[in-house]
Amino acid sequence: MADPAETAGPRRGRNRLSLALGLSLAVNVLLLGLIGGAVLGHRSGVGRDHAVTMMALGPYGRALSDTDRAAIRKALRAEAPRFREERREVRQGFRDMLTALRGETFDADRIAAVLDRQEARVQAHAGMVRKLMLDRLSAMSPDERSAFADRLERVLRHGPPGRNRCEAPPHAR
């Protein structure tokens, strides 16, 4: 008979790895939701939507001009039907994960398949945002790119806005 300490080790490690991967994916899906929510729920003016959009685009978003940021938001809004379908798929993926986790036996292949599908959705969305950002940068004149680089450098130097810091992008200060 095998020593229980020896048989529990690898399984426990695999369960921890699965949990870590699941949590990592959940964070990515949350970010996907924030991006979609920021885009689909955007209202004119600066407010919550502005802050969420800037968080989703990270330092690049904070360094963009208002015009460039609005253009990216508009392009993302055009993807609204795709986002709705992705949200349905994300919800189904979590239902599939819950079913797999509650199974009598742990099926690593089944869980890996769910995680793979979820990761592919996140990567596809990130690729679309990357393309939009690259398109905006490509359309800039050399002077606009230089100004963007200056703003990006300021953003990187100062770090992300905190609760007690101004939430406005650096070029609006």
Protein backbone atom coordinates (compact mmCIF):
# COMPACT_ATOMS: atom_id res chain seq x y z
CA MET A 1 0.00 0.00 0.00
CA ALA A 2 1.34 3.44 -0.90
CA ASP A 3 2.26 5.97 1.73
CA PRO A 4 -0.59 8.58 1.90
CA ALA A 5 1.95 11.40 2.17
CA GLU A 6 3.53 10.34 -1.14
CA THR A 7 0.25 10.03 -3.04
CA ALA A 8 -1.20 13.30 -1.72
CA GLY A 9 1.76 15.46 -2.79
CA PRO A 10 1.49 15.42 -6.59
CA ARG A 11 -2.32 15.60 -6.54
CA ARG A 12 -2.28 18.53 -4.13
CA GLY A 13 0.26 20.31 -6.34
CA ARG A 14 -1.86 19.69 -9.42
CA ASN A 15 -4.96 21.00 -7.62
CA ARG A 16 -3.08 24.11 -6.52
CA LEU A 17 -1.82 24.67 -10.05
CA SER A 18 -5.35 24.28 -11.41
CA LEU A 19 -6.65 26.71 -8.81
CA ALA A 20 -3.89 29.21 -9.61
CA LEU A 21 -4.60 28.95 -13.33
CA GLY A 22 -8.31 29.35 -12.70
CA LEU A 23 -7.78 32.43 -10.57
CA SER A 24 -5.45 33.92 -13.15
CA LEU A 25 -8.02 33.32 -15.83
CA ALA A 26 -10.75 34.84 -13.66
CA VAL A 27 -8.70 38.02 -13.35
CA ASN A 28 -8.23 38.10 -17.13
CA VAL A 29 -11.95 37.60 -17.68
CA LEU A 30 -12.65 40.36 -15.17
CA LEU A 31 -10.42 42.69 -17.15
CA LEU A 32 -12.19 41.65 -20.33
CA GLY A 33 -15.48 42.55 -18.65
CA LEU A 34 -14.13 45.89 -17.51
CA ILE A 35 -12.98 46.71 -21.02
CA GLY A 36 -16.29 45.68 -22.53
CA GLY A 37 -18.24 47.47 -19.80
CA ALA A 38 -16.21 50.63 -20.23
CA VAL A 39 -16.80 50.61 -23.94
CA LEU A 40 -20.43 49.56 -24.03
CA GLY A 41 -21.52 51.69 -21.11
CA HIS A 42 -19.56 54.81 -22.07
CA ARG A 43 -21.24 58.17 -21.61
CA SER A 44 -19.75 61.44 -22.75
CA GLY A 45 -17.70 63.33 -20.22
CA VAL A 46 -15.14 62.25 -17.69
CA GLY A 47 -16.32 59.96 -14.95
CA ARG A 48 -16.41 56.30 -13.97
CA ASP A 49 -16.31 55.13 -17.60
CA HIS A 50 -13.25 57.25 -18.25
CA ALA A 51 -11.47 55.71 -15.27
CA VAL A 52 -12.41 52.15 -16.27
CA THR A 53 -11.32 52.72 -19.87
CA MET A 54 -8.00 54.11 -18.69
CA MET A 55 -7.47 51.15 -16.39
CA ALA A 56 -8.24 48.74 -19.23
CA LEU A 57 -5.80 50.43 -21.61
CA GLY A 58 -3.21 50.86 -18.87
CA PRO A 59 -0.45 53.45 -19.17
CA TYR A 60 -0.93 53.62 -22.94
CA GLY A 61 -4.53 54.72 -22.49
CA ARG A 62 -3.58 57.39 -19.99
CA ALA A 63 -0.97 58.72 -22.40
CA LEU A 64 -3.30 58.88 -25.42
CA SER A 65 -4.78 62.19 -26.48
CA ASP A 66 -8.50 62.63 -25.90
CA THR A 67 -9.09 62.26 -29.65
CA ASP A 68 -7.13 59.01 -29.90
CA ARG A 69 -8.76 57.58 -26.79
CA ALA A 70 -12.22 58.44 -28.14
CA ALA A 71 -11.36 56.78 -31.46
CA ILE A 72 -10.34 53.56 -29.70
CA ARG A 73 -13.52 53.64 -27.61
CA LYS A 74 -15.59 54.11 -30.76
CA ALA A 75 -13.87 51.19 -32.48
CA LEU A 76 -14.42 49.00 -29.43
CA ARG A 77 -18.09 50.03 -29.27
CA ALA A 78 -18.47 48.82 -32.85
CA GLU A 79 -17.58 45.37 -31.50
CA ALA A 80 -20.58 45.36 -29.10
CA PRO A 81 -22.29 42.32 -30.69
CA ARG A 82 -19.06 40.35 -30.40
CA PHE A 83 -18.70 41.37 -26.74
CA ARG A 84 -22.25 40.19 -25.98
CA GLU A 85 -21.46 36.80 -27.52
CA GLU A 86 -18.16 36.63 -25.61
CA ARG A 87 -19.99 37.36 -22.34
CA ARG A 88 -22.38 34.47 -23.06
CA GLU A 89 -19.41 32.20 -23.77
CA VAL A 90 -17.63 33.35 -20.60
CA ARG A 91 -20.72 32.59 -18.49
CA GLN A 92 -21.00 29.16 -20.12
CA GLY A 93 -17.31 28.54 -19.49
CA PHE A 94 -17.75 29.22 -15.79
CA ARG A 95 -20.80 26.93 -15.67
CA ASP A 96 -18.68 24.24 -17.36
CA MET A 97 -15.89 24.83 -14.83
CA LEU A 98 -18.27 24.57 -11.87
CA THR A 99 -19.68 21.32 -13.24
CA ALA A 100 -16.19 19.90 -13.74
CA LEU A 101 -15.04 20.96 -10.27
CA ARG A 102 -18.07 19.37 -8.63
CA GLY A 103 -17.56 16.08 -10.44
CA GLU A 104 -17.03 12.95 -8.38
CA THR A 105 -13.50 12.59 -9.74
CA PHE A 106 -11.09 15.30 -10.75
CA ASP A 107 -10.88 15.43 -14.56
CA ALA A 108 -7.79 17.51 -15.34
CA ASP A 109 -8.32 17.19 -19.10
CA ARG A 110 -11.86 18.55 -18.87
CA ILE A 111 -10.76 21.48 -16.72
CA ALA A 112 -7.79 22.14 -19.01
CA ALA A 113 -10.18 22.27 -21.99
CA VAL A 114 -12.38 24.84 -20.22
CA LEU A 115 -9.32 26.92 -19.29
CA ASP A 116 -7.99 26.67 -22.84
CA ARG A 117 -11.28 27.97 -24.29
CA GLN A 118 -11.38 30.83 -21.80
CA GLU A 119 -7.75 31.73 -22.43
CA ALA A 120 -8.35 31.77 -26.19
CA ARG A 121 -11.21 34.28 -25.72
CA VAL A 122 -9.05 36.53 -23.56
CA GLN A 123 -6.17 36.35 -26.05
CA ALA A 124 -8.48 37.16 -28.97
CA HIS A 125 -9.79 40.22 -27.16
CA ALA A 126 -6.31 41.35 -26.18
CA GLY A 127 -5.21 40.94 -29.80
CA MET A 128 -8.05 43.17 -30.97
CA VAL A 129 -7.15 45.89 -28.44
CA ARG A 130 -3.48 45.59 -29.48
CA LYS A 131 -4.43 46.04 -33.15
CA LEU A 132 -6.53 49.13 -32.37
CA MET A 133 -3.67 50.63 -30.39
CA LEU A 134 -1.17 49.87 -33.16
CA ASP A 135 -3.53 51.37 -35.76
CA ARG A 136 -3.79 54.60 -33.74
CA LEU A 137 -0.02 54.82 -33.29
CA SER A 138 0.53 54.15 -37.00
CA ALA A 139 -1.84 56.98 -37.94
CA MET A 140 0.06 59.52 -35.81
CA SER A 141 2.44 62.02 -37.33
CA PRO A 142 6.03 62.02 -36.04
CA ASP A 143 5.19 65.03 -33.83
CA GLU A 144 2.09 63.28 -32.44
CA ARG A 145 4.09 60.12 -31.72
CA SER A 146 6.76 62.18 -29.99
CA ALA A 147 4.13 63.93 -27.86
CA PHE A 148 2.59 60.53 -27.06
CA ALA A 149 6.03 59.21 -26.06
CA ASP A 150 6.51 62.22 -23.75
CA ARG A 151 3.12 61.64 -22.11
CA LEU A 152 3.79 57.90 -21.81
CA GLU A 153 7.13 58.61 -20.16
CA ARG A 154 5.40 60.90 -17.63
CA VAL A 155 2.75 58.26 -16.94
CA LEU A 156 5.40 55.59 -16.41
CA ARG A 157 7.44 57.86 -14.16
CA HIS A 158 4.46 58.74 -11.97
CA GLY A 159 2.83 55.31 -11.94
CA PRO A 160 -0.86 54.54 -11.91
CA PRO A 161 -3.22 57.08 -10.40
CA GLY A 162 -4.16 56.28 -6.82
CA ARG A 163 -7.10 57.30 -4.71
CA ASN A 164 -5.44 60.52 -3.63
CA ARG A 165 -4.01 61.35 -7.04
CA CYS A 166 -5.57 63.06 -9.99
CA GLU A 167 -7.39 60.58 -12.26
CA ALA A 168 -7.08 62.80 -15.32
CA PRO A 169 -4.61 61.80 -18.00
CA PRO A 170 -1.26 63.64 -17.78
CA HIS A 171 -1.91 65.80 -20.86
CA ALA A 172 -5.12 67.14 -19.28
CA ARG A 173 -3.40 68.31 -16.08
